C-alpha atoms as a PDB file:
ATOM      1  CA  MET A   1      45.066 -63.778 -79.886  1.00  0.00           C
ATOM      2  CA  GLU A   2      47.563 -65.057 -77.581  1.00  0.00           C
ATOM      3  CA  GLY A   3      49.917 -62.096 -78.359  1.00  0.00           C
ATOM      4  CA  ILE A   4      47.334 -59.806 -77.326  1.00  0.00           C
ATOM      5  CA  ALA A   5      46.626 -61.709 -74.209  1.00  0.00           C
ATOM      6  CA  PHE A   6      50.336 -61.788 -73.433  1.00  0.00           C
ATOM      7  CA  ILE A   7      50.572 -58.007 -73.988  1.00  0.00           C
ATOM      8  CA  SER A   8      47.747 -57.352 -71.702  1.00  0.00           C
ATOM      9  CA  PHE A   9      49.109 -59.635 -68.984  1.00  0.00           C
ATOM     10  CA  PHE A  10      52.450 -58.071 -69.134  1.00  0.00           C
ATOM     11  CA  LEU A  11      51.148 -54.484 -69.039  1.00  0.00           C
ATOM     12  CA  GLY A  12      48.810 -55.500 -66.128  1.00  0.00           C
ATOM     13  CA  THR A  13      51.394 -56.954 -64.010  1.00  0.00           C
ATOM     14  CA  SER A  14      53.852 -54.055 -64.810  1.00  0.00           C
ATOM     15  CA  TRP A  15      51.154 -51.463 -63.602  1.00  0.00           C
ATOM     16  CA  ASP A  16      50.536 -53.636 -60.574  1.00  0.00           C
ATOM     17  CA  PHE A  17      54.223 -53.526 -59.796  1.00  0.00           C
ATOM     18  CA  PHE A  18      54.493 -49.826 -60.142  1.00  0.00           C
ATOM     19  CA  THR A  19      51.343 -48.984 -58.283  1.00  0.00           C
ATOM     20  CA  GLU A  20      52.494 -51.272 -55.332  1.00  0.00           C
ATOM     21  CA  THR A  21      56.165 -50.273 -55.023  1.00  0.00           C
ATOM     22  CA  ASN A  22      56.807 -46.811 -53.330  1.00  0.00           C
ATOM     23  CA  VAL A  23      59.568 -44.228 -54.154  1.00  0.00           C
ATOM     24  CA  SER A  24      62.224 -44.526 -51.519  1.00  0.00           C
ATOM     25  CA  GLY A  25      61.648 -42.070 -48.751  1.00  0.00           C
ATOM     26  CA  PHE A  26      58.337 -40.828 -49.966  1.00  0.00           C
ATOM     27  CA  ASP A  27      54.911 -42.104 -49.385  1.00  0.00           C
ATOM     28  CA  PHE A  28      53.888 -42.493 -53.137  1.00  0.00           C
ATOM     29  CA  SER A  29      54.305 -45.058 -55.724  1.00  0.00           C
ATOM     30  CA  PHE A  30      56.285 -44.995 -58.809  1.00  0.00           C
ATOM     31  CA  ALA A  31      52.972 -44.944 -60.958  1.00  0.00           C
ATOM     32  CA  ALA A  32      51.807 -41.695 -59.144  1.00  0.00           C
ATOM     33  CA  LEU A  33      55.382 -40.390 -59.872  1.00  0.00           C
ATOM     34  CA  PHE A  34      55.168 -41.276 -63.431  1.00  0.00           C
ATOM     35  CA  VAL A  35      51.691 -39.924 -64.056  1.00  0.00           C
ATOM     36  CA  GLY A  36      52.509 -36.790 -62.262  1.00  0.00           C
ATOM     37  CA  LEU A  37      55.588 -36.141 -64.338  1.00  0.00           C
ATOM     38  CA  LEU A  38      53.645 -36.954 -67.540  1.00  0.00           C
ATOM     39  CA  LEU A  39      50.861 -34.464 -66.577  1.00  0.00           C
ATOM     40  CA  ALA A  40      53.402 -31.807 -65.623  1.00  0.00           C
ATOM     41  CA  LEU A  41      54.839 -32.111 -68.975  1.00  0.00           C
ATOM     42  CA  LEU A  42      51.798 -32.008 -70.813  1.00  0.00           C
ATOM     43  CA  ARG A  43      50.693 -28.838 -68.832  1.00  0.00           C
ATOM     44  CA  LEU A  44      53.876 -27.129 -69.617  1.00  0.00           C
ATOM     45  CA  ARG A  45      53.298 -27.856 -73.303  1.00  0.00           C
ATOM     46  CA  PHE A  46      49.855 -26.304 -73.236  1.00  0.00           C
ATOM     47  CA  LEU A  47      51.174 -23.293 -71.439  1.00  0.00           C
ATOM     48  CA  PHE A  48      53.830 -22.934 -73.871  1.00  0.00           C
ATOM     49  CA  ILE A  49      51.353 -22.994 -76.776  1.00  0.00           C
ATOM     50  CA  MET A  50      49.115 -20.426 -75.121  1.00  0.00           C
ATOM     51  CA  LEU A  51      51.925 -18.230 -74.383  1.00  0.00           C
ATOM     52  CA  GLY A  52      53.283 -18.612 -78.102  1.00  0.00           C
ATOM     53  CA  ILE A  53      56.604 -20.022 -77.085  1.00  0.00           C
ATOM     54  CA  SER A  54      57.945 -22.452 -79.259  1.00  0.00           C
ATOM     55  CA  GLY A  55      59.605 -25.158 -77.295  1.00  0.00           C
ATOM     56  CA  SER A  56      60.692 -28.563 -78.515  1.00  0.00           C
ATOM     57  CA  SER A  57      62.670 -31.468 -76.930  1.00  0.00           C
ATOM     58  CA  SER A  58      65.025 -31.688 -80.202  1.00  0.00           C
ATOM     59  CA  ASP A  59      66.805 -28.389 -79.490  1.00  0.00           C
ATOM     60  CA  ILE A  60      67.995 -26.199 -76.841  1.00  0.00           C
ATOM     61  CA  THR A  61      67.529 -22.430 -77.347  1.00  0.00           C
ATOM     62  CA  PHE A  62      69.841 -20.105 -75.530  1.00  0.00           C
ATOM     63  CA  PHE A  63      68.128 -16.866 -74.671  1.00  0.00           C
ATOM     64  CA  SER A  64      71.235 -14.756 -74.968  1.00  0.00           C
ATOM     65  CA  THR A  65      72.137 -12.303 -77.789  1.00  0.00           C
ATOM     66  CA  HIS A  66      74.892 -12.811 -80.095  1.00  0.00           C
ATOM     67  CA  PRO A  67      77.619  -9.891 -79.996  1.00  0.00           C
ATOM     68  CA  SER A  68      76.260  -8.689 -83.485  1.00  0.00           C
ATOM     69  CA  GLY A  69      72.760  -8.170 -81.472  1.00  0.00           C
ATOM     70  CA  ARG A  70      70.904 -11.120 -82.999  1.00  0.00           C
ATOM     71  CA  MET A  71      69.489 -13.914 -81.116  1.00  0.00           C
ATOM     72  CA  ALA A  72      71.807 -17.020 -80.515  1.00  0.00           C
ATOM     73  CA  LYS A  73      71.298 -19.897 -82.641  1.00  0.00           C
ATOM     74  CA  SER A  74      69.481 -23.170 -81.616  1.00  0.00           C
ATOM     75  CA  ILE A  75      71.900 -26.021 -80.822  1.00  0.00           C
ATOM     76  CA  PRO A  76      70.587 -29.625 -81.494  1.00  0.00           C
ATOM     77  CA  ALA A  77      70.689 -31.850 -78.524  1.00  0.00           C
ATOM     78  CA  THR A  78      72.070 -34.689 -80.249  1.00  0.00           C
ATOM     79  CA  PHE A  79      75.149 -33.897 -82.293  1.00  0.00           C
ATOM     80  CA  THR A  80      74.977 -36.133 -85.225  1.00  0.00           C
ATOM     81  CA  PRO A  81      77.239 -35.246 -88.216  1.00  0.00           C
ATOM     82  CA  THR A  82      74.195 -33.943 -90.201  1.00  0.00           C
ATOM     83  CA  ALA A  83      73.009 -31.625 -87.275  1.00  0.00           C
ATOM     84  CA  LEU A  84      76.567 -30.276 -86.759  1.00  0.00           C
ATOM     85  CA  LYS A  85      76.628 -29.460 -90.675  1.00  0.00           C
ATOM     86  CA  LYS A  86      73.395 -27.751 -90.225  1.00  0.00           C
ATOM     87  CA  VAL A  87      74.728 -25.594 -87.427  1.00  0.00           C
ATOM     88  CA  LYS A  88      77.968 -24.833 -89.155  1.00  0.00           C
ATOM     89  CA  ALA A  89      76.161 -23.782 -92.324  1.00  0.00           C
ATOM     90  CA  ASN A  90      74.054 -21.367 -90.558  1.00  0.00           C
END
């Protein structure tokens, strides 16, 4: 029970800090900026779903065509050894 009380205290004071601290040069708080960015990303995901565009944060798709006329391959955002093997294999 003490763990839950500590977590609620920590989250409450953190949220109070972010609501009381303004972004430098602007008249809104960091909490408003965070919530606004979160809602913008959520709106973009819903828009992509409605338009049928497959978008993922794990890969970067280049919309150019390969010299052979095919679409370019997706390149993983994190170049781990296994991801590089998958790209080279395709």
